Structure formats: C-alpha cells, structure tokens
Amino acid sequence: MVDKEVPLIKAKKTLQKDVILDRRGFFVIEVHEKEIRVEYYSNIYKDDRIVSGNLEKVFSGAKADALSDTIVQHVLDLRAEHYTYLGRELQKAQYALEQNKKYVQGGC
C-alpha cells in the first residue's frame, strides 16, 4: 500500500562541463588480446589542479561485472558518479573484447 505519491524522475545525461572530477583518482581502461586491463591512478596536484597521476593498482579480467565488483572492494570512497561511469566503460570494454572490436575509453 502506498501512502504518498512517488515522483517520476526523467533520466538525463550530465553535460561534460558539469562533471566534477574525483579528487581521489582516475582510471585508464584498455582491452588487450584476451582481457580488460584497468589501471587506477591517484591524482597528483599542482596549484590545486590535477596534473598527473601515480599508478596505484592494476586490475585485469574479461567480465565487466567481476572487474566492477573487484574494483569496488579495492578502491574505496570514490564519488558515486565515478563508479557508475566505470561500470558503463567496463561494459563497453567487455563488448569490444567479445566482438573483437576496438575499444576507446570515453570521457566522463
């Protein structure tokens, strides 16, 4: 039984200019012959701006769900949007791997 009206919220993509970068770090995703490789870098700052990264961890696997689960266990406290972005990109990478297509990591 519903005691109140629940709002219906229409989905919309966040514009690139409105994306807030994660202060904790970033990921580089690549598809190699038989696996997806994900590198996690912590941010390096200069004058309060991200200028580079320090490689912290490398993950590899063939399935987006396994990689996502593993990364969430080993890279804590990212922005929620960063985890969802990572999930989308890993799905694209898995598709490219399975279809033997080229994968190019997309922006935020």
PDB file of N, CA and C in Angstrom:
ATOM      1  N   MET A   1       0.841  -1.172   0.000  1.00  0.00           N
ATOM      2  CA  MET A   1       0.000   0.000   0.000  1.00  0.00           C
ATOM      3  C   MET A   1       0.895   1.248   0.000  1.00  0.00           C
ATOM      4  N   VAL A   2       0.556   2.209  -0.857  1.00  0.00           N
ATOM      5  CA  VAL A   2       1.324   3.450  -0.982  1.00  0.00           C
ATOM      6  C   VAL A   2       0.576   4.569  -0.269  1.00  0.00           C
ATOM      7  N   ASP A   3       1.256   5.214   0.698  1.00  0.00           N
ATOM      8  CA  ASP A   3       0.647   6.302   1.453  1.00  0.00           C
ATOM      9  C   ASP A   3       0.876   7.662   0.820  1.00  0.00           C
ATOM     10  N   LYS A   4       1.816   7.724  -0.089  1.00  0.00           N
ATOM     11  CA  LYS A   4       2.139   9.009  -0.699  1.00  0.00           C
ATOM     12  C   LYS A   4       2.433   8.810  -2.181  1.00  0.00           C
ATOM     13  N   GLU A   5       2.354   9.888  -2.913  1.00  0.00           N
ATOM     14  CA  GLU A   5       2.674   9.829  -4.332  1.00  0.00           C
ATOM     15  C   GLU A   5       4.188   9.865  -4.503  1.00  0.00           C
ATOM     16  N   VAL A   6       4.677   8.993  -5.345  1.00  0.00           N
ATOM     17  CA  VAL A   6       6.122   8.890  -5.580  1.00  0.00           C
ATOM     18  C   VAL A   6       6.447   9.598  -6.892  1.00  0.00           C
ATOM     19  N   PRO A   7       7.444  10.502  -6.885  1.00  0.00           N
ATOM     20  CA  PRO A   7       7.756  11.241  -8.116  1.00  0.00           C
ATOM     21  C   PRO A   7       8.416  10.358  -9.169  1.00  0.00           C
ATOM     22  N   LEU A   8       8.108  10.633 -10.417  1.00  0.00           N
ATOM     23  CA  LEU A   8       8.766  10.003 -11.558  1.00  0.00           C
ATOM     24  C   LEU A   8       9.832  10.976 -12.045  1.00  0.00           C
ATOM     25  N   ILE A   9      11.078  10.543 -12.043  1.00  0.00           N
ATOM     26  CA  ILE A   9      12.189  11.421 -12.423  1.00  0.00           C
ATOM     27  C   ILE A   9      12.737  10.964 -13.751  1.00  0.00           C
ATOM     28  N   LYS A  10      12.723  11.827 -14.724  1.00  0.00           N
ATOM     29  CA  LYS A  10      13.231  11.514 -16.062  1.00  0.00           C
ATOM     30  C   LYS A  10      14.752  11.540 -16.060  1.00  0.00           C
ATOM     31  N   ALA A  11      15.348  10.563 -16.714  1.00  0.00           N
ATOM     32  CA  ALA A  11      16.807  10.462 -16.784  1.00  0.00           C
ATOM     33  C   ALA A  11      17.367  11.499 -17.745  1.00  0.00           C
ATOM     34  N   LYS A  12      18.522  12.037 -17.391  1.00  0.00           N
ATOM     35  CA  LYS A  12      19.215  12.944 -18.299  1.00  0.00           C
ATOM     36  C   LYS A  12      20.718  12.815 -18.069  1.00  0.00           C
ATOM     37  N   LYS A  13      21.461  12.914 -19.125  1.00  0.00           N
ATOM     38  CA  LYS A  13      22.918  12.793 -19.094  1.00  0.00           C
ATOM     39  C   LYS A  13      23.523  14.076 -18.540  1.00  0.00           C
ATOM     40  N   THR A  14      24.528  13.941 -17.684  1.00  0.00           N
ATOM     41  CA  THR A  14      25.246  15.108 -17.177  1.00  0.00           C
ATOM     42  C   THR A  14      26.146  15.638 -18.285  1.00  0.00           C
ATOM     43  N   LEU A  15      26.099  16.911 -18.515  1.00  0.00           N
ATOM     44  CA  LEU A  15      26.948  17.516 -19.535  1.00  0.00           C
ATOM     45  C   LEU A  15      28.407  17.475 -19.093  1.00  0.00           C
ATOM     46  N   GLN A  16      29.301  17.326 -20.043  1.00  0.00           N
ATOM     47  CA  GLN A  16      30.734  17.240 -19.751  1.00  0.00           C
ATOM     48  C   GLN A  16      31.199  18.429 -18.894  1.00  0.00           C
ATOM     49  N   LYS A  17      30.695  19.615 -19.187  1.00  0.00           N
ATOM     50  CA  LYS A  17      31.113  20.813 -18.448  1.00  0.00           C
ATOM     51  C   LYS A  17      30.650  20.789 -16.991  1.00  0.00           C
ATOM     52  N   ASP A  18      29.659  19.951 -16.671  1.00  0.00           N
ATOM     53  CA  ASP A  18      29.122  19.880 -15.312  1.00  0.00           C
ATOM     54  C   ASP A  18      29.702  18.720 -14.493  1.00  0.00           C
ATOM     55  N   VAL A  19      30.581  17.927 -15.105  1.00  0.00           N
ATOM     56  CA  VAL A  19      31.174  16.793 -14.404  1.00  0.00           C
ATOM     57  C   VAL A  19      32.155  17.293 -13.349  1.00  0.00           C
ATOM     58  N   ILE A  20      32.065  16.724 -12.162  1.00  0.00           N
ATOM     59  CA  ILE A  20      33.002  17.041 -11.082  1.00  0.00           C
ATOM     60  C   ILE A  20      34.016  15.903 -11.015  1.00  0.00           C
ATOM     61  N   LEU A  21      35.287  16.225 -11.224  1.00  0.00           N
ATOM     62  CA  LEU A  21      36.318  15.199 -11.201  1.00  0.00           C
ATOM     63  C   LEU A  21      36.493  14.651  -9.793  1.00  0.00           C
ATOM     64  N   ASP A  22      36.808  13.382  -9.728  1.00  0.00           N
ATOM     65  CA  ASP A  22      37.007  12.721  -8.444  1.00  0.00           C
ATOM     66  C   ASP A  22      38.362  13.120  -7.885  1.00  0.00           C
ATOM     67  N   ARG A  23      38.375  13.632  -6.680  1.00  0.00           N
ATOM     68  CA  ARG A  23      39.631  14.087  -6.072  1.00  0.00           C
ATOM     69  C   ARG A  23      40.533  12.921  -5.700  1.00  0.00           C
ATOM     70  N   ARG A  24      39.999  11.704  -5.661  1.00  0.00           N
ATOM     71  CA  ARG A  24      40.779  10.538  -5.248  1.00  0.00           C
ATOM     72  C   ARG A  24      41.652   9.979  -6.371  1.00  0.00           C
ATOM     73  N   GLY A  25      41.174  10.052  -7.627  1.00  0.00           N
ATOM     74  CA  GLY A  25      41.974   9.476  -8.697  1.00  0.00           C
ATOM     75  C   GLY A  25      41.186   9.234  -9.965  1.00  0.00           C
ATOM     76  N   PHE A  26      41.792   8.457 -10.866  1.00  0.00           N
ATOM     77  CA  PHE A  26      41.162   8.185 -12.155  1.00  0.00           C
ATOM     78  C   PHE A  26      41.577   6.802 -12.655  1.00  0.00           C
ATOM     79  N   PHE A  27      40.860   6.327 -13.676  1.00  0.00           N
ATOM     80  CA  PHE A  27      41.094   5.008 -14.244  1.00  0.00           C
ATOM     81  C   PHE A  27      41.457   5.118 -15.715  1.00  0.00           C
ATOM     82  N   VAL A  28      42.315   4.214 -16.156  1.00  0.00           N
ATOM     83  CA  VAL A  28      42.621   4.050 -17.575  1.00  0.00           C
ATOM     84  C   VAL A  28      42.239   2.617 -17.908  1.00  0.00           C
ATOM     85  N   ILE A  29      41.376   2.456 -18.910  1.00  0.00           N
ATOM     86  CA  ILE A  29      40.871   1.145 -19.292  1.00  0.00           C
ATOM     87  C   ILE A  29      41.365   0.825 -20.693  1.00  0.00           C
ATOM     88  N   GLU A  30      41.896  -0.386 -20.855  1.00  0.00           N
ATOM     89  CA  GLU A  30      42.372  -0.839 -22.162  1.00  0.00           C
ATOM     90  C   GLU A  30      41.934  -2.277 -22.385  1.00  0.00           C
ATOM     91  N   VAL A  31      41.675  -2.628 -23.626  1.00  0.00           N
ATOM     92  CA  VAL A  31      41.373  -4.005 -23.985  1.00  0.00           C
ATOM     93  C   VAL A  31      42.597  -4.568 -24.679  1.00  0.00           C
ATOM     94  N   HIS A  32      43.112  -5.661 -24.125  1.00  0.00           N
ATOM     95  CA  HIS A  32      44.238  -6.369 -24.724  1.00  0.00           C
ATOM     96  C   HIS A  32      43.691  -7.643 -25.357  1.00  0.00           C
ATOM     97  N   GLU A  33      44.528  -8.468 -25.873  1.00  0.00           N
ATOM     98  CA  GLU A  33      44.108  -9.638 -26.639  1.00  0.00           C
ATOM     99  C   GLU A  33      42.954 -10.422 -26.011  1.00  0.00           C
ATOM    100  N   LYS A  34      43.073 -10.810 -24.762  1.00  0.00           N
ATOM    101  CA  LYS A  34      42.032 -11.649 -24.164  1.00  0.00           C
ATOM    102  C   LYS A  34      41.563 -11.136 -22.810  1.00  0.00           C
ATOM    103  N   GLU A  35      41.834  -9.868 -22.523  1.00  0.00           N
ATOM    104  CA  GLU A  35      41.419  -9.349 -21.224  1.00  0.00           C
ATOM    105  C   GLU A  35      41.244  -7.835 -21.263  1.00  0.00           C
ATOM    106  N   ILE A  36      40.550  -7.371 -20.229  1.00  0.00           N
ATOM    107  CA  ILE A  36      40.402  -5.943 -19.992  1.00  0.00           C
ATOM    108  C   ILE A  36      41.372  -5.599 -18.871  1.00  0.00           C
ATOM    109  N   ARG A  37      42.117  -4.531 -19.056  1.00  0.00           N
ATOM    110  CA  ARG A  37      43.080  -4.098 -18.048  1.00  0.00           C
ATOM    111  C   ARG A  37      42.646  -2.716 -17.574  1.00  0.00           C
ATOM    112  N   VAL A  38      42.577  -2.558 -16.255  1.00  0.00           N
ATOM    113  CA  VAL A  38      42.165  -1.295 -15.649  1.00  0.00           C
ATOM    114  C   VAL A  38      43.267  -0.824 -14.715  1.00  0.00           C
ATOM    115  N   GLU A  39      43.796   0.357 -14.998  1.00  0.00           N
ATOM    116  CA  GLU A  39      44.817   0.956 -14.137  1.00  0.00           C
ATOM    117  C   GLU A  39      44.156   2.048 -13.304  1.00  0.00           C
ATOM    118  N   TYR A  40      44.447   2.035 -12.010  1.00  0.00           N
ATOM    119  CA  TYR A  40      43.926   3.077 -11.122  1.00  0.00           C
ATOM    120  C   TYR A  40      45.077   3.966 -10.679  1.00  0.00           C
ATOM    121  N   TYR A  41      44.911   5.260 -10.872  1.00  0.00           N
ATOM    122  CA  TYR A  41      45.914   6.259 -10.517  1.00  0.00           C
ATOM    123  C   TYR A  41      45.357   7.195  -9.460  1.00  0.00           C
ATOM    124  N   SER A  42      46.164   7.506  -8.442  1.00  0.00           N
ATOM    125  CA  SER A  42      45.811   8.581  -7.523  1.00  0.00           C
ATOM    126  C   SER A  42      46.242   9.885  -8.190  1.00  0.00           C
ATOM    127  N   ASN A  43      45.526  10.940  -7.877  1.00  0.00           N
ATOM    128  CA  ASN A  43      45.815  12.236  -8.506  1.00  0.00           C
ATOM    129  C   ASN A  43      47.086  12.867  -7.942  1.00  0.00           C
ATOM    130  N   ILE A  44      47.815  13.552  -8.808  1.00  0.00           N
ATOM    131  CA  ILE A  44      48.943  14.389  -8.407  1.00  0.00           C
ATOM    132  C   ILE A  44      48.528  15.825  -8.721  1.00  0.00           C
ATOM    133  N   TYR A  45      48.663  16.673  -7.723  1.00  0.00           N
ATOM    134  CA  TYR A  45      48.205  18.062  -7.842  1.00  0.00           C
ATOM    135  C   TYR A  45      49.370  19.041  -7.937  1.00  0.00           C
ATOM    136  N   LYS A  46      49.111  20.135  -8.637  1.00  0.00           N
ATOM    137  CA  LYS A  46      50.000  21.290  -8.638  1.00  0.00           C
ATOM    138  C   LYS A  46      49.089  22.511  -8.642  1.00  0.00           C
ATOM    139  N   ASP A  47      49.286  23.375  -7.676  1.00  0.00           N
ATOM    140  CA  ASP A  47      48.446  24.576  -7.546  1.00  0.00           C
ATOM    141  C   ASP A  47      46.957  24.215  -7.534  1.00  0.00           C
ATOM    142  N   ASP A  48      46.614  23.165  -6.776  1.00  0.00           N
ATOM    143  CA  ASP A  48      45.232  22.709  -6.606  1.00  0.00           C
ATOM    144  C   ASP A  48      44.585  22.225  -7.910  1.00  0.00           C
ATOM    145  N   ARG A  49      45.393  21.844  -8.881  1.00  0.00           N
ATOM    146  CA  ARG A  49      44.886  21.284 -10.145  1.00  0.00           C
ATOM    147  C   ARG A  49      45.494  19.909 -10.350  1.00  0.00           C
ATOM    148  N   ILE A  50      44.702  18.990 -10.893  1.00  0.00           N
ATOM    149  CA  ILE A  50      45.213  17.656 -11.210  1.00  0.00           C
ATOM    150  C   ILE A  50      46.109  17.786 -12.436  1.00  0.00           C
ATOM    151  N   VAL A  51      47.370  17.380 -12.298  1.00  0.00           N
ATOM    152  CA  VAL A  51      48.307  17.490 -13.409  1.00  0.00           C
ATOM    153  C   VAL A  51      48.802  16.128 -13.902  1.00  0.00           C
ATOM    154  N   SER A  52      48.635  15.099 -13.069  1.00  0.00           N
ATOM    155  CA  SER A  52      49.114  13.775 -13.447  1.00  0.00           C
ATOM    156  C   SER A  52      48.549  12.767 -12.460  1.00  0.00           C
ATOM    157  N   GLY A  53      49.073  11.548 -12.526  1.00  0.00           N
ATOM    158  CA  GLY A  53      48.626  10.523 -11.598  1.00  0.00           C
ATOM    159  C   GLY A  53      49.749   9.581 -11.226  1.00  0.00           C
ATOM    160  N   ASN A  54      49.563   8.907 -10.105  1.00  0.00           N
ATOM    161  CA  ASN A  54      50.527   7.925  -9.627  1.00  0.00           C
ATOM    162  C   ASN A  54      49.841   6.550  -9.685  1.00  0.00           C
ATOM    163  N   LEU A  55      50.383   5.605 -10.476  1.00  0.00           N
ATOM    164  CA  LEU A  55      49.781   4.287 -10.616  1.00  0.00           C
ATOM    165  C   LEU A  55      49.750   3.590  -9.259  1.00  0.00           C
ATOM    166  N   GLU A  56      48.560   3.200  -8.827  1.00  0.00           N
ATOM    167  CA  GLU A  56      48.366   2.571  -7.519  1.00  0.00           C
ATOM    168  C   GLU A  56      48.018   1.091  -7.622  1.00  0.00           C
ATOM    169  N   LYS A  57      47.138   0.735  -8.583  1.00  0.00           N
ATOM    170  CA  LYS A  57      46.663  -0.648  -8.697  1.00  0.00           C
ATOM    171  C   LYS A  57      46.343  -0.955 -10.153  1.00  0.00           C
ATOM    172  N   VAL A  58      46.489  -2.245 -10.510  1.00  0.00           N
ATOM    173  CA  VAL A  58      46.127  -2.703 -11.846  1.00  0.00           C
ATOM    174  C   VAL A  58      45.199  -3.903 -11.680  1.00  0.00           C
ATOM    175  N   PHE A  59      44.095  -3.884 -12.407  1.00  0.00           N
ATOM    176  CA  PHE A  59      43.109  -4.962 -12.375  1.00  0.00           C
ATOM    177  C   PHE A  59      43.023  -5.571 -13.769  1.00  0.00           C
ATOM    178  N   SER A  60      42.767  -6.872 -13.847  1.00  0.00           N
ATOM    179  CA  SER A  60      42.579  -7.491 -15.153  1.00  0.00           C
ATOM    180  C   SER A  60      41.500  -8.557 -15.061  1.00  0.00           C
ATOM    181  N   GLY A  61      40.794  -8.728 -16.154  1.00  0.00           N
ATOM    182  CA  GLY A  61      39.735  -9.723 -16.231  1.00  0.00           C
ATOM    183  C   GLY A  61      39.033  -9.602 -17.561  1.00  0.00           C
ATOM    184  N   ALA A  62      38.066 -10.480 -17.783  1.00  0.00           N
ATOM    185  CA  ALA A  62      37.352 -10.483 -19.057  1.00  0.00           C
ATOM    186  C   ALA A  62      35.901 -10.043 -18.919  1.00  0.00           C
ATOM    187  N   LYS A  63      35.406  -9.943 -17.689  1.00  0.00           N
ATOM    188  CA  LYS A  63      33.991  -9.633 -17.470  1.00  0.00           C
ATOM    189  C   LYS A  63      33.831  -8.340 -16.681  1.00  0.00           C
ATOM    190  N   ALA A  64      32.944  -7.477 -17.164  1.00  0.00           N
ATOM    191  CA  ALA A  64      32.708  -6.180 -16.542  1.00  0.00           C
ATOM    192  C   ALA A  64      32.204  -6.320 -15.114  1.00  0.00           C
ATOM    193  N   ASP A  65      31.309  -7.285 -14.866  1.00  0.00           N
ATOM    194  CA  ASP A  65      30.761  -7.408 -13.516  1.00  0.00           C
ATOM    195  C   ASP A  65      31.831  -7.827 -12.511  1.00  0.00           C
ATOM    196  N   ALA A  66      32.693  -8.760 -12.887  1.00  0.00           N
ATOM    197  CA  ALA A  66      33.762  -9.192 -11.981  1.00  0.00           C
ATOM    198  C   ALA A  66      34.758  -8.067 -11.731  1.00  0.00           C
ATOM    199  N   LEU A  67      35.105  -7.337 -12.775  1.00  0.00           N
ATOM    200  CA  LEU A  67      36.022  -6.209 -12.601  1.00  0.00           C
ATOM    201  C   LEU A  67      35.400  -5.134 -11.712  1.00  0.00           C
ATOM    202  N   SER A  68      34.133  -4.814 -11.955  1.00  0.00           N
ATOM    203  CA  SER A  68      33.451  -3.798 -11.142  1.00  0.00           C
ATOM    204  C   SER A  68      33.437  -4.197  -9.678  1.00  0.00           C
ATOM    205  N   ASP A  69      33.048  -5.452  -9.399  1.00  0.00           N
ATOM    206  CA  ASP A  69      32.994  -5.922  -8.017  1.00  0.00           C
ATOM    207  C   ASP A  69      34.361  -5.846  -7.351  1.00  0.00           C
ATOM    208  N   THR A  70      35.390  -6.247  -8.077  1.00  0.00           N
ATOM    209  CA  THR A  70      36.748  -6.249  -7.527  1.00  0.00           C
ATOM    210  C   THR A  70      37.250  -4.839  -7.275  1.00  0.00           C
ATOM    211  N   ILE A  71      37.014  -3.950  -8.218  1.00  0.00           N
ATOM    212  CA  ILE A  71      37.476  -2.568  -8.072  1.00  0.00           C
ATOM    213  C   ILE A  71      36.797  -1.896  -6.880  1.00  0.00           C
ATOM    214  N   VAL A  72      35.502  -2.118  -6.712  1.00  0.00           N
ATOM    215  CA  VAL A  72      34.773  -1.519  -5.588  1.00  0.00           C
ATOM    216  C   VAL A  72      35.356  -1.980  -4.252  1.00  0.00           C
ATOM    217  N   GLN A  73      35.852  -3.202  -4.201  1.00  0.00           N
ATOM    218  CA  GLN A  73      36.443  -3.726  -2.970  1.00  0.00           C
ATOM    219  C   GLN A  73      37.835  -3.156  -2.701  1.00  0.00           C
ATOM    220  N   HIS A  74      38.530  -2.724  -3.749  1.00  0.00           N
ATOM    221  CA  HIS A  74      39.929  -2.312  -3.603  1.00  0.00           C
ATOM    222  C   HIS A  74      40.188  -0.820  -3.793  1.00  0.00           C
ATOM    223  N   VAL A  75      39.217  -0.100  -4.321  1.00  0.00           N
ATOM    224  CA  VAL A  75      39.353   1.350  -4.489  1.00  0.00           C
ATOM    225  C   VAL A  75      38.143   1.987  -3.811  1.00  0.00           C
ATOM    226  N   LEU A  76      38.360   2.422  -2.597  1.00  0.00           N
ATOM    227  CA  LEU A  76      37.263   2.879  -1.756  1.00  0.00           C
ATOM    228  C   LEU A  76      37.047   4.383  -1.848  1.00  0.00           C
ATOM    229  N   ASP A  77      35.846   4.788  -1.510  1.00  0.00           N
ATOM    230  CA  ASP A  77      35.497   6.197  -1.306  1.00  0.00           C
ATOM    231  C   ASP A  77      35.579   7.072  -2.552  1.00  0.00           C
ATOM    232  N   LEU A  78      35.253   6.521  -3.712  1.00  0.00           N
ATOM    233  CA  LEU A  78      35.149   7.359  -4.911  1.00  0.00           C
ATOM    234  C   LEU A  78      33.769   7.998  -4.945  1.00  0.00           C
ATOM    235  N   ARG A  79      33.632   9.005  -5.770  1.00  0.00           N
ATOM    236  CA  ARG A  79      32.323   9.611  -5.987  1.00  0.00           C
ATOM    237  C   ARG A  79      31.408   8.561  -6.611  1.00  0.00           C
ATOM    238  N   ALA A  80      30.139   8.567  -6.261  1.00  0.00           N
ATOM    239  CA  ALA A  80      29.183   7.594  -6.808  1.00  0.00           C
ATOM    240  C   ALA A  80      29.163   7.655  -8.333  1.00  0.00           C
ATOM    241  N   GLU A  81      29.256   8.860  -8.881  1.00  0.00           N
ATOM    242  CA  GLU A  81      29.252   9.029 -10.337  1.00  0.00           C
ATOM    243  C   GLU A  81      30.457   8.347 -10.973  1.00  0.00           C
ATOM    244  N   HIS A  82      31.553   8.279 -10.251  1.00  0.00           N
ATOM    245  CA  HIS A  82      32.758   7.660 -10.789  1.00  0.00           C
ATOM    246  C   HIS A  82      32.555   6.154 -10.920  1.00  0.00           C
ATOM    247  N   TYR A  83      31.925   5.548  -9.928  1.00  0.00           N
ATOM    248  CA  TYR A  83      31.636   4.115 -10.003  1.00  0.00           C
ATOM    249  C   TYR A  83      30.677   3.803 -11.157  1.00  0.00           C
ATOM    250  N   THR A  84      29.667   4.641 -11.353  1.00  0.00           N
ATOM    251  CA  THR A  84      28.722   4.368 -12.440  1.00  0.00           C
ATOM    252  C   THR A  84      29.385   4.559 -13.794  1.00  0.00           C
ATOM    253  N   TYR A  85      30.232   5.573 -13.917  1.00  0.00           N
ATOM    254  CA  TYR A  85      30.999   5.765 -15.152  1.00  0.00           C
ATOM    255  C   TYR A  85      31.864   4.536 -15.427  1.00  0.00           C
ATOM    256  N   LEU A  86      32.534   4.057 -14.406  1.00  0.00           N
ATOM    257  CA  LEU A  86      33.410   2.905 -14.549  1.00  0.00           C
ATOM    258  C   LEU A  86      32.611   1.683 -15.025  1.00  0.00           C
ATOM    259  N   GLY A  87      31.434   1.472 -14.454  1.00  0.00           N
ATOM    260  CA  GLY A  87      30.587   0.357 -14.880  1.00  0.00           C
ATOM    261  C   GLY A  87      30.197   0.445 -16.341  1.00  0.00           C
ATOM    262  N   ARG A  88      29.830   1.642 -16.788  1.00  0.00           N
ATOM    263  CA  ARG A  88      29.474   1.820 -18.202  1.00  0.00           C
ATOM    264  C   ARG A  88      30.657   1.522 -19.107  1.00  0.00           C
ATOM    265  N   GLU A  89      31.814   2.049 -18.746  1.00  0.00           N
ATOM    266  CA  GLU A  89      33.004   1.847 -19.577  1.00  0.00           C
ATOM    267  C   GLU A  89      33.433   0.379 -19.602  1.00  0.00           C
ATOM    268  N   LEU A  90      33.313  -0.294 -18.472  1.00  0.00           N
ATOM    269  CA  LEU A  90      33.686  -1.713 -18.443  1.00  0.00           C
ATOM    270  C   LEU A  90      32.737  -2.545 -19.297  1.00  0.00           C
ATOM    271  N   GLN A  91      31.463  -2.193 -19.333  1.00  0.00           N
ATOM    272  CA  GLN A  91      30.518  -2.879 -20.221  1.00  0.00           C
ATOM    273  C   GLN A  91      30.915  -2.683 -21.685  1.00  0.00           C
ATOM    274  N   LYS A  92      31.276  -1.456 -22.038  1.00  0.00           N
ATOM    275  CA  LYS A  92      31.727  -1.183 -23.415  1.00  0.00           C
ATOM    276  C   LYS A  92      32.998  -1.963 -23.728  1.00  0.00           C
ATOM    277  N   ALA A  93      33.904  -2.025 -22.778  1.00  0.00           N
ATOM    278  CA  ALA A  93      35.157  -2.753 -22.989  1.00  0.00           C
ATOM    279  C   ALA A  93      34.892  -4.248 -23.148  1.00  0.00           C
ATOM    280  N   GLN A  94      33.990  -4.796 -22.345  1.00  0.00           N
ATOM    281  CA  GLN A  94      33.665  -6.217 -22.462  1.00  0.00           C
ATOM    282  C   GLN A  94      33.052  -6.507 -23.826  1.00  0.00           C
ATOM    283  N   TYR A  95      32.158  -5.652 -24.281  1.00  0.00           N
ATOM    284  CA  TYR A  95      31.553  -5.827 -25.609  1.00  0.00           C
ATOM    285  C   TYR A  95      32.633  -5.821 -26.687  1.00  0.00           C
ATOM    286  N   ALA A  96      33.545  -4.863 -26.611  1.00  0.00           N
ATOM    287  CA  ALA A  96      34.625  -4.780 -27.599  1.00  0.00           C
ATOM    288  C   ALA A  96      35.483  -6.041 -27.556  1.00  0.00           C
ATOM    289  N   LEU A  97      35.785  -6.525 -26.375  1.00  0.00           N
ATOM    290  CA  LEU A  97      36.585  -7.740 -26.231  1.00  0.00           C
ATOM    291  C   LEU A  97      35.869  -8.932 -26.857  1.00  0.00           C
ATOM    292  N   GLU A  98      34.591  -9.098 -26.553  1.00  0.00           N
ATOM    293  CA  GLU A  98      33.822 -10.238 -27.057  1.00  0.00           C
ATOM    294  C   GLU A  98      33.597 -10.178 -28.567  1.00  0.00           C
ATOM    295  N   GLN A  99      33.469  -8.963 -29.092  1.00  0.00           N
ATOM    296  CA  GLN A  99      33.199  -8.789 -30.517  1.00  0.00           C
ATOM    297  C   GLN A  99      34.459  -8.554 -31.343  1.00  0.00           C
ATOM    298  N   ASN A 100      35.599  -8.607 -30.663  1.00  0.00           N
ATOM    299  CA  ASN A 100      36.888  -8.358 -31.320  1.00  0.00           C
ATOM    300  C   ASN A 100      36.901  -6.995 -32.027  1.00  0.00           C
ATOM    301  N   LYS A 101      36.413  -5.987 -31.309  1.00  0.00           N
ATOM    302  CA  LYS A 101      36.366  -4.624 -31.835  1.00  0.00           C
ATOM    303  C   LYS A 101      37.312  -3.747 -31.036  1.00  0.00           C
ATOM    304  N   LYS A 102      37.600  -2.598 -31.590  1.00  0.00           N
ATOM    305  CA  LYS A 102      38.472  -1.642 -30.912  1.00  0.00           C
ATOM    306  C   LYS A 102      37.696  -0.949 -29.799  1.00  0.00           C
ATOM    307  N   TYR A 103      38.341  -0.772 -28.659  1.00  0.00           N
ATOM    308  CA  TYR A 103      37.733  -0.052 -27.543  1.00  0.00           C
ATOM    309  C   TYR A 103      38.488   1.251 -27.325  1.00  0.00           C
ATOM    310  N   VAL A 104      37.749   2.329 -27.213  1.00  0.00           N
ATOM    311  CA  VAL A 104      38.323   3.632 -26.875  1.00  0.00           C
ATOM    312  C   VAL A 104      37.560   4.138 -25.662  1.00  0.00           C
ATOM    313  N   GLN A 105      38.273   4.422 -24.594  1.00  0.00           N
ATOM    314  CA  GLN A 105      37.646   4.896 -23.360  1.00  0.00           C
ATOM    315  C   GLN A 105      37.019   6.248 -23.611  1.00  0.00           C
ATOM    316  N   GLY A 106      35.765   6.380 -23.169  1.00  0.00           N
ATOM    317  CA  GLY A 106      35.044   7.622 -23.333  1.00  0.00           C
ATOM    318  C   GLY A 106      35.283   8.578 -22.191  1.00  0.00           C
ATOM    319  N   GLY A 107      34.872   9.804 -22.372  1.00  0.00           N
ATOM    320  CA  GLY A 107      35.015  10.812 -21.323  1.00  0.00           C
ATOM    321  C   GLY A 107      33.984  10.602 -20.236  1.00  0.00           C
ATOM    322  N   CYS A 108      34.056  11.448 -19.236  1.00  0.00           N
ATOM    323  CA  CYS A 108      33.179  11.328 -18.063  1.00  0.00           C
ATOM    324  C   CYS A 108      31.717  11.372 -18.433  1.00  0.00           C
TER     325      CYS A 108
END
